[in-house]
PDB file of all heavy atoms in Angstrom:
ATOM      1  N   LEU A   1      55.262 121.469  76.899  1.00  0.00           N
ATOM      2  CA  LEU A   1      54.056 121.985  77.268  1.00  0.00           C
ATOM      3  C   LEU A   1      53.172 122.397  76.015  1.00  0.00           C
ATOM      4  O   LEU A   1      52.039 122.185  75.873  1.00  0.00           O
ATOM      5  CB  LEU A   1      54.299 123.293  78.124  1.00  0.00           C
ATOM      6  CG  LEU A   1      54.747 122.944  79.530  1.00  0.00           C
ATOM      7  CD1 LEU A   1      55.220 124.247  80.256  1.00  0.00           C
ATOM      8  CD2 LEU A   1      53.706 122.308  80.375  1.00  0.00           C
ATOM      9  N   ILE A   2      53.913 123.025  75.055  1.00  0.00           N
ATOM     10  CA  ILE A   2      53.256 123.411  73.813  1.00  0.00           C
ATOM     11  C   ILE A   2      52.720 122.190  73.084  1.00  0.00           C
ATOM     12  O   ILE A   2      51.515 122.191  72.645  1.00  0.00           O
ATOM     13  CB  ILE A   2      54.186 124.197  72.834  1.00  0.00           C
ATOM     14  CG1 ILE A   2      54.404 125.625  73.536  1.00  0.00           C
ATOM     15  CG2 ILE A   2      53.526 124.441  71.462  1.00  0.00           C
ATOM     16  CD1 ILE A   2      55.499 126.472  72.842  1.00  0.00           C
ATOM     17  N   LYS A   3      53.575 121.137  72.974  1.00  0.00           N
ATOM     18  CA  LYS A   3      53.165 119.946  72.322  1.00  0.00           C
ATOM     19  C   LYS A   3      51.959 119.338  73.032  1.00  0.00           C
ATOM     20  O   LYS A   3      51.067 118.763  72.372  1.00  0.00           O
ATOM     21  CB  LYS A   3      54.338 118.974  72.314  1.00  0.00           C
ATOM     22  CG  LYS A   3      54.168 117.807  71.417  1.00  0.00           C
ATOM     23  CD  LYS A   3      55.373 116.931  71.381  1.00  0.00           C
ATOM     24  CE  LYS A   3      55.211 115.805  70.521  1.00  0.00           C
ATOM     25  NZ  LYS A   3      56.374 114.834  70.443  1.00  0.00           N
ATOM     26  N   ALA A   4      51.902 119.290  74.320  1.00  0.00           N
ATOM     27  CA  ALA A   4      50.855 118.672  75.153  1.00  0.00           C
ATOM     28  C   ALA A   4      49.495 119.441  75.014  1.00  0.00           C
ATOM     29  O   ALA A   4      48.467 118.770  74.882  1.00  0.00           O
ATOM     30  CB  ALA A   4      51.293 118.567  76.608  1.00  0.00           C
ATOM     31  N   PHE A   5      49.588 120.750  74.976  1.00  0.00           N
ATOM     32  CA  PHE A   5      48.368 121.529  75.109  1.00  0.00           C
ATOM     33  C   PHE A   5      48.008 122.188  73.742  1.00  0.00           C
ATOM     34  O   PHE A   5      46.811 122.637  73.672  1.00  0.00           O
ATOM     35  CB  PHE A   5      48.483 122.631  76.198  1.00  0.00           C
ATOM     36  CG  PHE A   5      48.409 121.985  77.607  1.00  0.00           C
ATOM     37  CD1 PHE A   5      49.586 121.684  78.284  1.00  0.00           C
ATOM     38  CD2 PHE A   5      47.259 121.652  78.195  1.00  0.00           C
ATOM     39  CE1 PHE A   5      49.536 121.138  79.536  1.00  0.00           C
ATOM     40  CE2 PHE A   5      47.171 120.972  79.384  1.00  0.00           C
ATOM     41  CZ  PHE A   5      48.342 120.759  80.098  1.00  0.00           C
ATOM     42  N   TYR A   6      48.929 122.270  72.868  1.00  0.00           N
ATOM     43  CA  TYR A   6      48.606 122.986  71.487  1.00  0.00           C
ATOM     44  C   TYR A   6      49.233 122.038  70.434  1.00  0.00           C
ATOM     45  O   TYR A   6      50.226 122.484  69.872  1.00  0.00           O
ATOM     46  CB  TYR A   6      49.127 124.338  71.521  1.00  0.00           C
ATOM     47  CG  TYR A   6      48.558 125.194  72.560  1.00  0.00           C
ATOM     48  CD1 TYR A   6      49.159 125.487  73.807  1.00  0.00           C
ATOM     49  CD2 TYR A   6      47.299 125.825  72.350  1.00  0.00           C
ATOM     50  CE1 TYR A   6      48.619 126.218  74.781  1.00  0.00           C
ATOM     51  CE2 TYR A   6      46.761 126.704  73.375  1.00  0.00           C
ATOM     52  CZ  TYR A   6      47.407 126.817  74.557  1.00  0.00           C
ATOM     53  OH  TYR A   6      46.820 127.623  75.496  1.00  0.00           O
ATOM     54  N   PRO A   7      48.588 120.817  70.247  1.00  0.00           N
ATOM     55  CA  PRO A   7      49.223 119.830  69.251  1.00  0.00           C
ATOM     56  C   PRO A   7      49.393 120.469  67.860  1.00  0.00           C
ATOM     57  O   PRO A   7      48.625 121.176  67.385  1.00  0.00           O
ATOM     58  CB  PRO A   7      48.284 118.740  69.260  1.00  0.00           C
ATOM     59  CG  PRO A   7      47.353 118.990  70.475  1.00  0.00           C
ATOM     60  CD  PRO A   7      47.368 120.448  70.794  1.00  0.00           C
ATOM     61  N   SER A   8      50.431 119.915  67.199  1.00  0.00           N
ATOM     62  CA  SER A   8      50.935 120.450  65.917  1.00  0.00           C
ATOM     63  C   SER A   8      49.876 120.116  64.745  1.00  0.00           C
ATOM     64  O   SER A   8      49.892 120.716  63.746  1.00  0.00           O
ATOM     65  CB  SER A   8      52.216 119.834  65.415  1.00  0.00           C
ATOM     66  OG  SER A   8      52.127 118.472  65.499  1.00  0.00           O
ATOM     67  N   LEU A   9      48.933 119.205  65.031  1.00  0.00           N
ATOM     68  CA  LEU A   9      47.868 118.963  64.147  1.00  0.00           C
ATOM     69  C   LEU A   9      46.922 120.126  63.991  1.00  0.00           C
ATOM     70  O   LEU A   9      46.367 120.339  62.849  1.00  0.00           O
ATOM     71  CB  LEU A   9      47.003 117.778  64.611  1.00  0.00           C
ATOM     72  CG  LEU A   9      46.104 116.975  63.670  1.00  0.00           C
ATOM     73  CD1 LEU A   9      46.835 116.412  62.508  1.00  0.00           C
ATOM     74  CD2 LEU A   9      45.379 115.928  64.424  1.00  0.00           C
ATOM     75  N   PHE A  10      46.910 120.928  64.979  1.00  0.00           N
ATOM     76  CA  PHE A  10      45.935 122.112  65.013  1.00  0.00           C
ATOM     77  C   PHE A  10      46.687 123.454  65.040  1.00  0.00           C
ATOM     78  O   PHE A  10      46.104 124.470  64.711  1.00  0.00           O
ATOM     79  CB  PHE A  10      45.037 121.952  66.319  1.00  0.00           C
ATOM     80  CG  PHE A  10      44.402 120.641  66.426  1.00  0.00           C
ATOM     81  CD1 PHE A  10      44.758 119.825  67.485  1.00  0.00           C
ATOM     82  CD2 PHE A  10      43.587 120.150  65.543  1.00  0.00           C
ATOM     83  CE1 PHE A  10      44.345 118.597  67.652  1.00  0.00           C
ATOM     84  CE2 PHE A  10      42.983 118.818  65.649  1.00  0.00           C
ATOM     85  CZ  PHE A  10      43.278 118.110  66.760  1.00  0.00           C
ATOM     86  N   PHE A  11      47.930 123.499  65.348  1.00  0.00           N
ATOM     87  CA  PHE A  11      48.636 124.716  65.514  1.00  0.00           C
ATOM     88  C   PHE A  11      50.066 124.631  64.988  1.00  0.00           C
ATOM     89  O   PHE A  11      50.736 123.528  64.948  1.00  0.00           O
ATOM     90  CB  PHE A  11      48.791 125.117  67.086  1.00  0.00           C
ATOM     91  CG  PHE A  11      47.512 125.174  67.779  1.00  0.00           C
ATOM     92  CD1 PHE A  11      47.002 124.086  68.470  1.00  0.00           C
ATOM     93  CD2 PHE A  11      46.639 126.350  67.587  1.00  0.00           C
ATOM     94  CE1 PHE A  11      45.787 124.127  69.106  1.00  0.00           C
ATOM     95  CE2 PHE A  11      45.444 126.446  68.239  1.00  0.00           C
ATOM     96  CZ  PHE A  11      45.008 125.351  69.019  1.00  0.00           C
ATOM     97  N   ASN A  12      50.610 125.847  64.498  1.00  0.00           N
ATOM     98  CA  ASN A  12      51.985 125.874  64.134  1.00  0.00           C
ATOM     99  C   ASN A  12      52.775 126.673  65.214  1.00  0.00           C
ATOM    100  O   ASN A  12      52.180 127.700  65.746  1.00  0.00           O
ATOM    101  CB  ASN A  12      52.189 126.690  62.810  1.00  0.00           C
ATOM    102  CG  ASN A  12      51.787 125.813  61.611  1.00  0.00           C
ATOM    103  OD1 ASN A  12      52.036 124.602  61.658  1.00  0.00           O
ATOM    104  ND2 ASN A  12      51.318 126.358  60.635  1.00  0.00           N
ATOM    105  N   TYR A  13      53.962 126.226  65.544  1.00  0.00           N
ATOM    106  CA  TYR A  13      54.758 126.949  66.493  1.00  0.00           C
ATOM    107  C   TYR A  13      55.260 128.219  65.851  1.00  0.00           C
ATOM    108  O   TYR A  13      55.780 128.160  64.699  1.00  0.00           O
ATOM    109  CB  TYR A  13      55.937 125.976  66.880  1.00  0.00           C
ATOM    110  CG  TYR A  13      56.999 126.674  67.884  1.00  0.00           C
ATOM    111  CD1 TYR A  13      56.723 126.649  69.165  1.00  0.00           C
ATOM    112  CD2 TYR A  13      58.089 127.257  67.311  1.00  0.00           C
ATOM    113  CE1 TYR A  13      57.704 127.217  70.061  1.00  0.00           C
ATOM    114  CE2 TYR A  13      59.080 127.781  68.175  1.00  0.00           C
ATOM    115  CZ  TYR A  13      58.737 127.808  69.562  1.00  0.00           C
ATOM    116  OH  TYR A  13      59.748 128.412  70.398  1.00  0.00           O
ATOM    117  N   VAL A  14      55.212 129.348  66.565  1.00  0.00           N
ATOM    118  CA  VAL A  14      55.760 130.618  65.937  1.00  0.00           C
ATOM    119  C   VAL A  14      56.959 131.042  66.782  1.00  0.00           C
ATOM    120  O   VAL A  14      58.013 131.236  66.274  1.00  0.00           O
ATOM    121  CB  VAL A  14      54.699 131.658  66.028  1.00  0.00           C
ATOM    122  CG1 VAL A  14      55.185 133.022  65.603  1.00  0.00           C
ATOM    123  CG2 VAL A  14      53.458 131.408  65.149  1.00  0.00           C
ATOM    124  N   ASN A  15      56.803 131.086  68.112  1.00  0.00           N
ATOM    125  CA  ASN A  15      57.950 131.393  69.022  1.00  0.00           C
ATOM    126  C   ASN A  15      57.482 130.872  70.404  1.00  0.00           C
ATOM    127  O   ASN A  15      56.504 130.342  70.490  1.00  0.00           O
ATOM    128  CB  ASN A  15      58.349 132.870  69.034  1.00  0.00           C
ATOM    129  CG  ASN A  15      57.286 133.816  69.385  1.00  0.00           C
ATOM    130  OD1 ASN A  15      56.569 133.529  70.485  1.00  0.00           O
ATOM    131  ND2 ASN A  15      57.025 134.949  68.695  1.00  0.00           N
ATOM    132  N   LYS A  16      58.369 131.109  71.374  1.00  0.00           N
ATOM    133  CA  LYS A  16      58.104 130.524  72.731  1.00  0.00           C
ATOM    134  C   LYS A  16      56.820 130.992  73.313  1.00  0.00           C
ATOM    135  O   LYS A  16      56.383 130.385  74.235  1.00  0.00           O
ATOM    136  CB  LYS A  16      59.381 130.673  73.573  1.00  0.00           C
ATOM    137  CG  LYS A  16      59.585 132.093  73.970  1.00  0.00           C
ATOM    138  CD  LYS A  16      60.843 132.201  74.895  1.00  0.00           C
ATOM    139  CE  LYS A  16      60.916 133.649  75.410  1.00  0.00           C
ATOM    140  NZ  LYS A  16      61.998 133.660  76.366  1.00  0.00           N
ATOM    141  N   ASN A  17      56.349 132.115  72.865  1.00  0.00           N
ATOM    142  CA  ASN A  17      55.075 132.609  73.477  1.00  0.00           C
ATOM    143  C   ASN A  17      53.887 132.715  72.558  1.00  0.00           C
ATOM    144  O   ASN A  17      52.826 133.134  72.931  1.00  0.00           O
ATOM    145  CB  ASN A  17      55.311 134.031  74.049  1.00  0.00           C
ATOM    146  CG  ASN A  17      56.328 134.077  75.211  1.00  0.00           C
ATOM    147  OD1 ASN A  17      56.274 133.096  76.049  1.00  0.00           O
ATOM    148  ND2 ASN A  17      57.203 134.999  75.212  1.00  0.00           N
ATOM    149  N   SER A  18      54.071 132.256  71.246  1.00  0.00           N
ATOM    150  CA  SER A  18      52.955 132.412  70.330  1.00  0.00           C
ATOM    151  C   SER A  18      52.760 131.171  69.467  1.00  0.00           C
ATOM    152  O   SER A  18      53.827 130.496  69.119  1.00  0.00           O
ATOM    153  CB  SER A  18      53.220 133.600  69.444  1.00  0.00           C
ATOM    154  OG  SER A  18      53.242 134.801  70.100  1.00  0.00           O
ATOM    155  N   ILE A  19      51.548 130.909  68.979  1.00  0.00           N
ATOM    156  CA  ILE A  19      51.378 129.868  68.115  1.00  0.00           C
ATOM    157  C   ILE A  19      50.366 130.335  66.998  1.00  0.00           C
ATOM    158  O   ILE A  19      49.589 131.300  67.263  1.00  0.00           O
ATOM    159  CB  ILE A  19      50.700 128.550  68.745  1.00  0.00           C
ATOM    160  CG1 ILE A  19      49.506 128.912  69.611  1.00  0.00           C
ATOM    161  CG2 ILE A  19      51.747 127.885  69.575  1.00  0.00           C
ATOM    162  CD1 ILE A  19      48.716 127.761  70.168  1.00  0.00           C
ATOM    163  N   GLU A  20      50.322 129.698  65.862  1.00  0.00           N
ATOM    164  CA  GLU A  20      49.456 130.106  64.781  1.00  0.00           C
ATOM    165  C   GLU A  20      48.392 128.974  64.666  1.00  0.00           C
ATOM    166  O   GLU A  20      48.703 127.714  64.827  1.00  0.00           O
ATOM    167  CB  GLU A  20      50.280 130.144  63.497  1.00  0.00           C
ATOM    168  CG  GLU A  20      49.431 130.426  62.271  1.00  0.00           C
ATOM    169  CD  GLU A  20      50.250 130.186  60.919  1.00  0.00           C
ATOM    170  OE1 GLU A  20      51.113 129.352  60.927  1.00  0.00           O
ATOM    171  OE2 GLU A  20      49.870 130.920  59.962  1.00  0.00           O
ATOM    172  N   ILE A  21      47.141 129.399  64.510  1.00  0.00           N
ATOM    173  CA  ILE A  21      46.052 128.443  64.442  1.00  0.00           C
ATOM    174  C   ILE A  21      46.079 127.872  63.042  1.00  0.00           C
ATOM    175  O   ILE A  21      46.180 128.578  61.969  1.00  0.00           O
ATOM    176  CB  ILE A  21      44.695 129.081  64.628  1.00  0.00           C
ATOM    177  CG1 ILE A  21      44.646 129.678  66.093  1.00  0.00           C
ATOM    178  CG2 ILE A  21      43.536 128.189  64.398  1.00  0.00           C
ATOM    179  CD1 ILE A  21      43.455 130.558  66.383  1.00  0.00           C
ATOM    180  N   LYS A  22      45.847 126.568  62.909  1.00  0.00           N
ATOM    181  CA  LYS A  22      45.787 125.877  61.544  1.00  0.00           C
ATOM    182  C   LYS A  22      44.316 125.372  61.395  1.00  0.00           C
ATOM    183  O   LYS A  22      43.612 125.734  60.367  1.00  0.00           O
ATOM    184  CB  LYS A  22      46.726 124.726  61.439  1.00  0.00           C
ATOM    185  CG  LYS A  22      48.174 125.038  61.409  1.00  0.00           C
ATOM    186  CD  LYS A  22      49.093 123.889  60.893  1.00  0.00           C
ATOM    187  CE  LYS A  22      48.932 122.724  61.624  1.00  0.00           C
ATOM    188  NZ  LYS A  22      49.929 121.683  61.325  1.00  0.00           N
ATOM    189  N   ASN A  23      43.893 124.428  62.269  1.00  0.00           N
ATOM    190  CA  ASN A  23      42.530 123.683  62.075  1.00  0.00           C
ATOM    191  C   ASN A  23      41.798 123.781  63.396  1.00  0.00           C
ATOM    192  O   ASN A  23      42.377 123.328  64.354  1.00  0.00           O
ATOM    193  CB  ASN A  23      42.918 122.276  61.636  1.00  0.00           C
ATOM    194  CG  ASN A  23      43.700 122.298  60.440  1.00  0.00           C
ATOM    195  OD1 ASN A  23      43.314 122.666  59.325  1.00  0.00           O
ATOM    196  ND2 ASN A  23      44.879 121.706  60.597  1.00  0.00           N
ATOM    197  N   LEU A  24      40.544 124.135  63.255  1.00  0.00           N
ATOM    198  CA  LEU A  24      39.674 124.028  64.376  1.00  0.00           C
ATOM    199  C   LEU A  24      38.362 123.525  63.983  1.00  0.00           C
ATOM    200  O   LEU A  24      37.972 123.487  62.840  1.00  0.00           O
ATOM    201  CB  LEU A  24      39.544 125.355  65.127  1.00  0.00           C
ATOM    202  CG  LEU A  24      40.780 126.083  65.702  1.00  0.00           C
ATOM    203  CD1 LEU A  24      40.454 127.428  66.187  1.00  0.00           C
ATOM    204  CD2 LEU A  24      41.400 125.203  66.791  1.00  0.00           C
TER     205      LEU A  24
END
Protein backbone atom coordinates (compact mmCIF):
# COMPACT_ATOMS: atom_id res chain seq x y z
CA LEU A 1 0.00 0.00 0.00
CA ILE A 2 2.81 2.40 0.90
CA LYS A 3 4.64 1.60 -2.34
CA ALA A 4 1.45 2.10 -4.38
CA PHE A 5 0.32 5.38 -2.81
CA TYR A 6 3.57 6.91 -1.51
CA PRO A 7 6.30 5.93 -4.02
CA SER A 8 9.94 5.90 -2.91
CA LEU A 9 10.84 8.46 -5.58
CA PHE A 10 9.02 11.03 -3.46
CA PHE A 11 9.04 9.60 0.06
CA ASN A 12 11.22 7.67 2.52
CA TYR A 13 9.74 4.93 4.65
CA VAL A 14 10.03 5.78 8.39
CA ASN A 15 7.79 3.19 10.04
CA LYS A 16 4.48 1.44 9.37
CA ASN A 17 2.50 4.62 10.03
CA SER A 18 4.87 7.39 8.89
CA ILE A 19 6.80 8.52 5.85
CA GLU A 20 9.30 11.29 5.23
CA ILE A 21 8.80 13.70 2.33
CA LYS A 22 11.70 13.88 -0.15
CA ASN A 23 10.54 15.54 -3.38
CA LEU A 24 7.35 17.37 -4.31
